[in-house]
N, C-alpha and C. Protein backbone atom coordinates (compact mmCIF):
# COMPACT_ATOMS: atom_id res chain seq x y z
N UNK A 1 17.58 36.09 32.29
CA UNK A 1 16.35 35.87 32.88
C UNK A 1 15.16 36.91 32.62
N UNK A 2 15.81 38.16 32.59
CA UNK A 2 14.81 39.03 32.00
C UNK A 2 14.24 38.78 30.78
N UNK A 3 14.86 38.13 29.83
CA UNK A 3 14.26 38.10 28.67
C UNK A 3 13.12 36.91 28.74
N UNK A 4 13.52 35.92 29.52
CA UNK A 4 12.51 34.82 29.79
C UNK A 4 11.15 35.43 30.23
N UNK A 5 11.15 36.37 31.48
CA UNK A 5 10.18 36.74 31.91
C UNK A 5 9.56 37.74 31.00
N UNK A 6 10.06 38.48 30.27
CA UNK A 6 9.56 39.31 29.26
C UNK A 6 8.76 38.65 28.26
N UNK A 7 9.27 37.55 27.81
CA UNK A 7 8.70 36.53 26.91
C UNK A 7 7.37 36.08 27.35
N UNK A 8 7.56 35.52 28.61
CA UNK A 8 6.32 34.98 29.18
C UNK A 8 5.31 36.08 29.29
N UNK A 9 5.48 37.34 29.76
CA UNK A 9 4.64 38.38 29.71
C UNK A 9 3.84 38.56 28.51
N UNK A 10 4.65 38.56 27.60
CA UNK A 10 4.27 38.97 25.98
C UNK A 10 3.39 37.68 25.53
N UNK A 11 3.61 36.60 26.03
CA UNK A 11 2.91 35.30 25.62
C UNK A 11 1.45 35.44 26.40
N UNK A 12 1.49 35.71 27.54
CA UNK A 12 0.38 36.14 28.52
C UNK A 12 -0.48 37.06 27.68
N UNK A 13 -0.03 38.23 27.53
CA UNK A 13 -0.90 39.22 26.89
C UNK A 13 -1.52 38.83 25.71
N UNK A 14 -0.80 38.14 24.84
CA UNK A 14 -1.30 37.74 23.63
C UNK A 14 -2.62 36.86 23.94
N UNK A 15 -2.57 36.06 24.90
CA UNK A 15 -3.78 35.04 25.37
C UNK A 15 -4.90 35.90 25.84
N UNK A 16 -4.61 37.26 26.32
CA UNK A 16 -5.67 38.21 26.86
C UNK A 16 -6.43 38.45 25.76
N UNK A 17 -6.23 38.55 24.56
CA UNK A 17 -7.26 38.97 23.32
C UNK A 17 -8.25 37.97 23.18
N UNK A 18 -7.94 36.64 23.32
CA UNK A 18 -8.96 35.44 23.53
C UNK A 18 -9.66 35.56 24.46
N UNK A 19 -9.04 36.05 25.79
CA UNK A 19 -9.94 35.74 27.05
C UNK A 19 -11.12 37.00 27.11
N UNK A 20 -11.00 37.92 26.18
CA UNK A 20 -11.99 39.06 26.39
C UNK A 20 -13.50 38.26 25.88
N UNK A 21 -13.50 37.07 25.40
CA UNK A 21 -14.69 36.27 25.02
C UNK A 21 -15.56 35.92 26.42
N UNK A 22 -14.61 35.64 27.46
CA UNK A 22 -15.13 35.15 28.84
C UNK A 22 -15.68 36.04 29.77
N UNK A 23 -15.72 35.76 31.00
CA UNK A 23 -15.94 36.68 31.95
C UNK A 23 -14.74 37.62 32.24
N UNK A 24 -15.39 38.80 32.62
CA UNK A 24 -14.42 39.93 32.61
C UNK A 24 -14.70 40.40 34.12
N UNK A 25 -13.58 40.84 34.95
CA UNK A 25 -13.57 41.35 36.26
C UNK A 25 -12.57 42.40 36.59
N UNK A 26 -13.16 43.45 37.48
CA UNK A 26 -12.36 44.46 37.75
C UNK A 26 -12.22 44.37 39.10
N UNK A 27 -11.03 44.32 39.90
CA UNK A 27 -10.83 43.99 41.30
C UNK A 27 -10.00 44.97 41.90
N UNK A 28 -10.77 46.13 42.59
CA UNK A 28 -9.76 46.97 43.57
C UNK A 28 -9.24 46.33 44.67
N UNK A 29 -8.06 46.47 45.09
CA UNK A 29 -7.64 45.76 46.15
C UNK A 29 -6.52 46.68 47.22
N UNK A 30 -6.53 46.32 48.52
CA UNK A 30 -5.75 46.89 49.49
C UNK A 30 -4.76 45.67 49.99
N UNK A 31 -3.70 45.88 50.36
CA UNK A 31 -2.74 45.05 50.93
C UNK A 31 -1.50 45.46 51.55
N UNK A 32 -0.57 44.59 51.74
CA UNK A 32 0.63 44.82 52.43
C UNK A 32 1.77 43.74 51.65
N UNK A 33 2.84 44.50 51.59
CA UNK A 33 4.17 43.78 51.24
C UNK A 33 5.05 43.85 52.44
N UNK A 34 5.58 42.51 52.39
CA UNK A 34 6.35 42.14 53.63
C UNK A 34 7.73 42.70 53.74
N UNK A 35 8.33 42.60 52.38
CA UNK A 35 9.77 43.04 52.34
C UNK A 35 9.98 44.42 52.84
N UNK A 36 9.42 45.35 52.16
CA UNK A 36 9.88 46.64 52.62
C UNK A 36 8.66 47.34 53.79
N UNK A 37 7.83 46.22 54.16
CA UNK A 37 6.78 46.60 55.18
C UNK A 37 5.94 47.90 54.54
N UNK A 38 5.27 47.77 53.68
CA UNK A 38 4.58 48.89 52.85
C UNK A 38 3.06 48.52 52.68
N UNK A 39 2.27 49.24 52.58
CA UNK A 39 0.70 49.18 52.48
C UNK A 39 0.64 49.30 50.97
N UNK A 40 -0.45 48.94 50.23
CA UNK A 40 -0.56 49.15 48.83
C UNK A 40 -1.89 49.18 48.54
N UNK A 41 -2.29 50.03 47.62
CA UNK A 41 -3.73 49.99 46.60
C UNK A 41 -3.37 49.59 45.25
N UNK A 42 -4.28 48.83 44.80
CA UNK A 42 -4.06 48.28 43.48
C UNK A 42 -5.42 48.12 42.75
N UNK A 43 -5.13 47.65 41.44
CA UNK A 43 -6.41 47.21 40.75
C UNK A 43 -5.85 46.19 39.91
N UNK A 44 -6.81 45.19 39.64
CA UNK A 44 -6.46 43.99 38.95
C UNK A 44 -7.69 43.83 37.65
N UNK A 45 -7.30 43.42 36.55
CA UNK A 45 -8.28 42.93 35.64
C UNK A 45 -8.15 41.41 35.56
N UNK A 46 -9.32 40.87 35.45
CA UNK A 46 -9.41 39.22 35.21
C UNK A 46 -10.13 38.94 34.06
N UNK A 47 -9.71 38.05 33.21
CA UNK A 47 -10.32 37.67 31.98
C UNK A 47 -10.28 36.07 32.03
N UNK A 48 -11.53 35.56 32.05
CA UNK A 48 -11.54 34.09 31.89
C UNK A 48 -11.29 33.60 30.55
N UNK A 49 -10.13 32.74 30.27
CA UNK A 49 -9.77 32.14 29.13
C UNK A 49 -10.68 31.00 28.80
N UNK A 50 -10.71 30.03 29.98
CA UNK A 50 -11.66 29.05 29.74
C UNK A 50 -12.44 29.02 31.27
N UNK A 51 -13.34 27.99 31.48
CA UNK A 51 -13.84 27.99 32.65
C UNK A 51 -13.11 28.03 33.78
N UNK A 52 -11.75 27.33 33.86
CA UNK A 52 -10.96 27.22 35.04
C UNK A 52 -9.72 28.17 34.97
N UNK A 53 -9.42 28.70 33.63
CA UNK A 53 -8.12 29.49 33.63
C UNK A 53 -8.32 30.82 33.29
N UNK A 54 -7.79 31.69 34.17
CA UNK A 54 -8.08 33.33 33.85
C UNK A 54 -6.60 33.99 33.87
N UNK A 55 -6.60 35.01 33.05
CA UNK A 55 -5.55 35.97 33.07
C UNK A 55 -5.70 37.04 33.92
N UNK A 56 -4.84 37.56 34.82
CA UNK A 56 -4.97 38.55 35.84
C UNK A 56 -3.86 39.48 35.76
N UNK A 57 -3.89 40.49 34.78
CA UNK A 57 -2.75 41.71 35.02
C UNK A 57 -3.19 42.78 36.00
N UNK A 58 -2.38 43.25 36.70
CA UNK A 58 -2.69 44.25 37.57
C UNK A 58 -1.58 45.12 37.91
N UNK A 59 -1.80 46.19 38.66
CA UNK A 59 -0.89 47.38 39.01
C UNK A 59 -1.19 47.71 40.43
N UNK A 60 -0.11 47.89 41.13
CA UNK A 60 -0.38 48.31 42.61
C UNK A 60 0.70 49.51 42.83
N UNK A 61 0.16 50.39 43.82
CA UNK A 61 1.14 51.41 44.21
C UNK A 61 1.46 51.33 45.71
N UNK A 62 2.83 51.16 45.86
CA UNK A 62 3.22 50.82 47.35
C UNK A 62 3.50 52.10 48.02
N UNK A 63 2.95 52.32 49.17
CA UNK A 63 3.10 53.59 49.84
C UNK A 63 4.51 53.62 50.57
N UNK A 64 5.04 54.89 50.59
CA UNK A 64 6.46 55.19 51.00
C UNK A 64 6.56 54.50 52.51
N UNK A 65 8.14 54.06 52.65
CA UNK A 65 8.30 53.50 53.93
C UNK A 65 9.95 53.64 53.85
N UNK A 66 10.43 54.21 54.69
CA UNK A 66 11.92 54.80 54.72
C UNK A 66 12.22 55.49 53.35
N UNK A 67 11.49 56.23 53.10
CA UNK A 67 11.66 57.05 51.76
C UNK A 67 11.57 56.39 50.34
N UNK A 68 10.92 55.15 50.38
CA UNK A 68 10.95 54.34 49.10
C UNK A 68 9.68 54.19 49.00
N UNK A 69 9.26 54.48 47.55
CA UNK A 69 7.76 54.19 46.97
C UNK A 69 7.94 53.27 45.92
N UNK A 70 6.87 52.66 45.67
CA UNK A 70 6.92 51.43 44.67
C UNK A 70 5.91 51.45 43.76
N UNK A 71 5.83 50.90 42.69
CA UNK A 71 4.95 50.58 41.68
C UNK A 71 5.10 49.26 41.21
N UNK A 72 4.19 48.30 41.32
CA UNK A 72 4.47 47.06 40.74
C UNK A 72 3.43 46.51 39.78
N UNK A 73 3.95 46.04 38.62
CA UNK A 73 3.00 45.68 37.69
C UNK A 73 3.07 43.91 37.41
N UNK A 74 1.92 43.26 37.41
CA UNK A 74 1.85 42.04 37.43
C UNK A 74 1.13 41.39 36.05
N UNK A 75 1.36 40.23 35.89
CA UNK A 75 0.57 39.48 34.95
C UNK A 75 0.61 38.12 35.35
N UNK A 76 -0.57 37.52 35.90
CA UNK A 76 -0.52 36.20 36.46
C UNK A 76 -1.66 35.33 35.70
N UNK A 77 -1.46 34.13 35.86
CA UNK A 77 -2.44 32.93 35.42
C UNK A 77 -2.87 32.48 36.62
N UNK A 78 -4.47 32.41 36.76
CA UNK A 78 -5.04 31.70 37.95
C UNK A 78 -5.65 30.41 37.44
N UNK A 79 -5.66 29.20 38.03
CA UNK A 79 -6.41 27.98 37.98
C UNK A 79 -7.55 27.97 38.86
N UNK A 80 -8.72 28.38 38.45
CA UNK A 80 -9.77 28.38 39.40
C UNK A 80 -10.47 27.05 39.72
N UNK A 81 -10.34 26.74 41.00
CA UNK A 81 -11.22 25.45 41.53
C UNK A 81 -12.35 25.70 42.38
N UNK A 82 -13.49 25.66 41.66
CA UNK A 82 -14.61 25.98 42.61
C UNK A 82 -14.93 24.97 43.73
N UNK A 83 -15.13 25.60 44.86
CA UNK A 83 -15.60 25.01 46.06
C UNK A 83 -17.21 25.09 46.28
N UNK A 84 -17.84 24.19 46.82
CA UNK A 84 -19.15 24.39 47.32
C UNK A 84 -19.50 25.42 48.13
N UNK A 85 -20.56 26.40 48.09
CA UNK A 85 -20.99 27.44 48.90
C UNK A 85 -20.43 28.68 48.58
N UNK A 86 -20.25 28.76 47.10
CA UNK A 86 -19.87 30.10 46.53
C UNK A 86 -18.24 30.29 46.82
N UNK A 87 -17.44 29.58 47.36
CA UNK A 87 -16.05 29.49 47.50
C UNK A 87 -15.27 29.26 46.23
N UNK A 88 -14.24 29.61 45.99
CA UNK A 88 -13.27 29.09 44.86
C UNK A 88 -11.86 29.49 45.25
N UNK A 89 -11.09 28.59 45.03
CA UNK A 89 -9.72 28.62 45.35
C UNK A 89 -8.80 28.53 44.01
N UNK A 90 -7.52 29.40 44.14
CA UNK A 90 -7.02 29.32 42.92
C UNK A 90 -5.31 29.37 43.20
N UNK A 91 -4.65 28.51 42.68
CA UNK A 91 -3.12 28.72 42.60
C UNK A 91 -2.82 29.73 41.48
N UNK A 92 -1.75 30.57 41.66
CA UNK A 92 -1.43 31.42 40.55
C UNK A 92 0.26 31.55 40.22
N UNK A 93 0.38 31.69 39.01
CA UNK A 93 1.69 31.90 38.52
C UNK A 93 1.94 32.99 37.60
N UNK A 94 3.03 33.70 37.50
CA UNK A 94 3.11 34.91 36.52
C UNK A 94 4.44 35.49 36.76
N UNK A 95 4.27 36.79 36.15
CA UNK A 95 5.57 37.47 36.19
C UNK A 95 5.13 38.82 36.78
N UNK A 96 6.22 39.70 37.15
CA UNK A 96 6.39 40.83 38.01
C UNK A 96 7.29 41.76 37.56
N UNK A 97 6.95 43.14 37.51
CA UNK A 97 7.73 44.11 37.18
C UNK A 97 7.83 44.94 38.43
N UNK A 98 8.87 45.22 39.23
CA UNK A 98 8.76 46.05 40.63
C UNK A 98 9.58 47.20 40.24
N UNK A 99 9.20 48.40 40.58
CA UNK A 99 9.69 49.63 40.39
C UNK A 99 9.66 50.26 41.70
N UNK A 100 11.13 50.65 42.14
CA UNK A 100 11.03 51.40 43.40
C UNK A 100 11.76 52.61 43.17
N UNK A 101 11.38 53.70 44.19
CA UNK A 101 12.04 55.04 44.03
C UNK A 101 12.40 55.53 45.28
N UNK A 102 13.55 55.96 45.57
CA UNK A 102 14.12 56.40 46.93
C UNK A 102 14.28 57.89 46.77
N UNK A 103 13.61 58.75 47.76
CA UNK A 103 13.91 60.07 47.63
C UNK A 103 13.93 60.58 49.08
N UNK A 104 15.12 61.50 49.54
CA UNK A 104 15.19 62.04 50.65
C UNK A 104 16.35 63.21 50.58
N UNK A 105 15.73 64.41 51.11
CA UNK A 105 16.77 65.63 51.22
C UNK A 105 17.47 65.85 49.81
N UNK A 106 16.54 65.78 48.74
CA UNK A 106 17.24 66.10 47.63
C UNK A 106 17.96 64.87 46.72
N UNK A 107 18.12 63.90 47.40
CA UNK A 107 18.79 62.55 46.80
C UNK A 107 17.90 61.80 46.46
N UNK A 108 17.93 61.38 45.29
CA UNK A 108 17.06 60.45 44.65
C UNK A 108 17.53 59.23 43.84
N UNK A 109 17.13 57.98 43.86
CA UNK A 109 17.49 56.93 42.91
C UNK A 109 16.22 56.09 42.75
N UNK A 110 16.34 55.23 41.43
CA UNK A 110 15.19 54.46 41.13
C UNK A 110 15.77 53.19 40.75
N UNK A 111 15.07 52.12 40.77
CA UNK A 111 15.49 50.88 40.19
C UNK A 111 14.33 49.99 39.87
N UNK A 112 14.45 49.10 38.97
CA UNK A 112 13.47 48.18 38.46
C UNK A 112 13.96 46.66 38.55
N UNK A 113 13.15 45.80 39.08
CA UNK A 113 13.47 44.56 39.22
C UNK A 113 12.52 43.56 38.41
N UNK A 114 12.85 42.48 38.00
CA UNK A 114 11.78 41.48 37.46
C UNK A 114 11.64 40.31 38.09
N UNK A 115 10.78 39.73 38.50
CA UNK A 115 10.51 38.46 39.12
C UNK A 115 9.44 37.46 38.86
N UNK A 116 9.29 36.42 39.36
CA UNK A 116 8.35 35.40 39.11
C UNK A 116 7.59 35.26 40.21
N UNK A 117 6.09 35.40 39.89
CA UNK A 117 4.99 35.22 41.15
C UNK A 117 4.64 33.66 41.02
N UNK A 118 4.34 33.53 42.33
CA UNK A 118 3.87 32.02 42.70
C UNK A 118 2.66 32.41 43.82
N UNK A 119 1.62 31.87 44.09
CA UNK A 119 0.90 31.98 45.13
C UNK A 119 -0.50 31.35 45.10
N UNK A 120 -1.44 32.07 45.68
CA UNK A 120 -2.74 31.45 45.93
C UNK A 120 -3.62 32.25 46.29
N UNK A 121 -4.97 31.87 45.91
CA UNK A 121 -5.94 32.84 46.53
C UNK A 121 -7.35 32.04 46.69
N UNK A 122 -8.24 33.07 47.46
CA UNK A 122 -9.49 32.18 47.44
C UNK A 122 -10.51 33.39 47.29
N UNK A 123 -11.72 33.01 46.88
CA UNK A 123 -12.81 34.20 46.54
C UNK A 123 -14.08 33.35 46.88
N UNK A 124 -15.04 34.39 47.57
CA UNK A 124 -16.40 34.04 48.04
C UNK A 124 -17.33 34.98 47.29
N UNK A 125 -18.28 34.13 46.61
CA UNK A 125 -19.32 35.04 45.74
C UNK A 125 -20.12 35.69 47.07
N UNK A 126 -20.45 36.94 46.96
CA UNK A 126 -21.32 37.56 47.93
C UNK A 126 -22.62 38.11 47.08
N UNK A 127 -22.36 38.47 46.01
CA UNK A 127 -23.55 38.56 44.79
C UNK A 127 -23.49 37.88 43.49
N UNK A 128 -24.33 37.74 42.67
CA UNK A 128 -23.84 37.32 41.49
C UNK A 128 -23.04 37.94 40.63
N UNK A 129 -22.91 39.25 40.65
CA UNK A 129 -22.09 40.19 39.96
C UNK A 129 -20.77 40.55 40.92
N UNK A 130 -20.33 40.05 42.00
CA UNK A 130 -19.41 40.53 42.93
C UNK A 130 -19.01 39.36 43.88
N UNK A 131 -17.68 39.52 44.04
CA UNK A 131 -17.21 38.55 45.14
C UNK A 131 -15.83 39.18 45.80
N UNK A 132 -15.67 38.61 47.16
CA UNK A 132 -14.65 38.96 48.14
C UNK A 132 -13.50 38.10 47.68
N UNK A 133 -12.36 38.62 47.76
CA UNK A 133 -11.09 38.10 47.19
C UNK A 133 -10.08 38.11 48.40
N UNK A 134 -9.30 37.37 48.49
CA UNK A 134 -7.91 37.12 49.44
C UNK A 134 -7.08 36.45 48.86
N UNK A 135 -5.67 37.03 48.68
CA UNK A 135 -4.61 36.42 47.80
C UNK A 135 -3.36 36.57 48.38
N UNK A 136 -2.66 35.47 48.47
CA UNK A 136 -1.11 35.66 48.97
C UNK A 136 -0.26 35.31 47.71
N UNK A 137 0.66 36.16 47.58
CA UNK A 137 1.48 36.03 46.44
C UNK A 137 3.22 36.31 46.94
N UNK A 138 3.93 35.61 46.39
CA UNK A 138 5.41 35.65 46.71
C UNK A 138 6.03 35.67 45.30
N UNK A 139 6.84 36.78 45.44
CA UNK A 139 7.70 37.32 44.05
C UNK A 139 9.28 37.03 44.34
N UNK A 140 9.75 35.99 43.45
CA UNK A 140 11.14 35.47 43.42
C UNK A 140 11.72 36.43 42.52
N UNK A 141 12.87 36.97 43.02
CA UNK A 141 13.73 37.96 42.33
C UNK A 141 15.03 37.92 42.66
N UNK A 142 15.98 38.68 42.18
CA UNK A 142 17.38 38.35 42.35
C UNK A 142 17.85 38.60 43.92
N UNK A 143 17.51 39.84 44.54
CA UNK A 143 18.04 40.21 45.83
C UNK A 143 17.28 39.85 46.81
N UNK A 144 15.87 40.08 46.99
CA UNK A 144 14.94 39.96 48.04
C UNK A 144 13.85 39.39 47.39
N UNK A 145 13.03 38.72 48.20
CA UNK A 145 11.62 38.09 47.53
C UNK A 145 10.66 38.59 48.53
N UNK A 146 9.88 39.63 48.10
CA UNK A 146 8.79 40.05 48.87
C UNK A 146 7.49 39.07 48.62
N UNK A 147 6.72 39.30 49.80
CA UNK A 147 5.38 38.43 49.73
C UNK A 147 4.36 39.65 50.02
N UNK A 148 3.35 39.33 49.39
CA UNK A 148 2.05 40.21 49.20
C UNK A 148 0.83 39.50 49.85
N UNK A 149 0.04 40.41 50.84
CA UNK A 149 -1.14 39.85 51.09
C UNK A 149 -2.04 41.02 50.75
N UNK A 150 -3.14 40.39 49.80
CA UNK A 150 -4.17 41.42 49.36
C UNK A 150 -5.65 41.03 49.77
N UNK A 151 -6.46 42.14 49.94
CA UNK A 151 -7.75 41.83 49.94
C UNK A 151 -8.70 42.62 49.07
N UNK A 152 -9.37 42.07 48.12
CA UNK A 152 -10.13 43.01 47.12
C UNK A 152 -11.56 42.68 47.03
N UNK A 153 -12.33 43.40 46.16
CA UNK A 153 -13.59 43.05 45.87
C UNK A 153 -13.73 43.06 44.34
N UNK A 154 -14.11 41.85 43.66
CA UNK A 154 -14.26 41.73 42.36
C UNK A 154 -15.57 42.05 41.85
N UNK A 155 -15.67 42.69 40.68
CA UNK A 155 -16.87 43.22 40.10
C UNK A 155 -16.86 42.60 38.79
N UNK A 156 -17.99 41.79 38.57
CA UNK A 156 -18.07 41.17 37.19
C UNK A 156 -18.89 42.09 36.41
N UNK A 157 -18.58 42.11 34.87
CA UNK A 157 -19.44 42.88 34.12
C UNK A 157 -19.27 42.18 32.79
């Protein structure tokens, strides 16, 4: 399973070289992970491969809860469906690497899991160079399956 996800991530990264010819977006975001009930801060880059398909690599820091801190790295593909009035909807699929660290009273442990992301998002153009973004993502992995809700602002350049 890990080899399959790593292969998907490498193929997706190789597509990113071509995607630099399209629209580029940086998206700072805040959110919540349901599994460990943690808040997160993250940043995502978005590169349009075609008019409707974009690559979205990202990284998120999850704040400690029950002495566990997290760092998640994602690579997702979005299929953008424009809707009237400046709205757009997108389903997403991709891969995730979830790193966690437990530390309490001198005892520490860390672990890394790999998972498959599925989800959807909606964006609303506020200006020609920026949009508000809401996303729901579910990560399927071996033991638990966390869900993420994020809110961000995409800056086009």
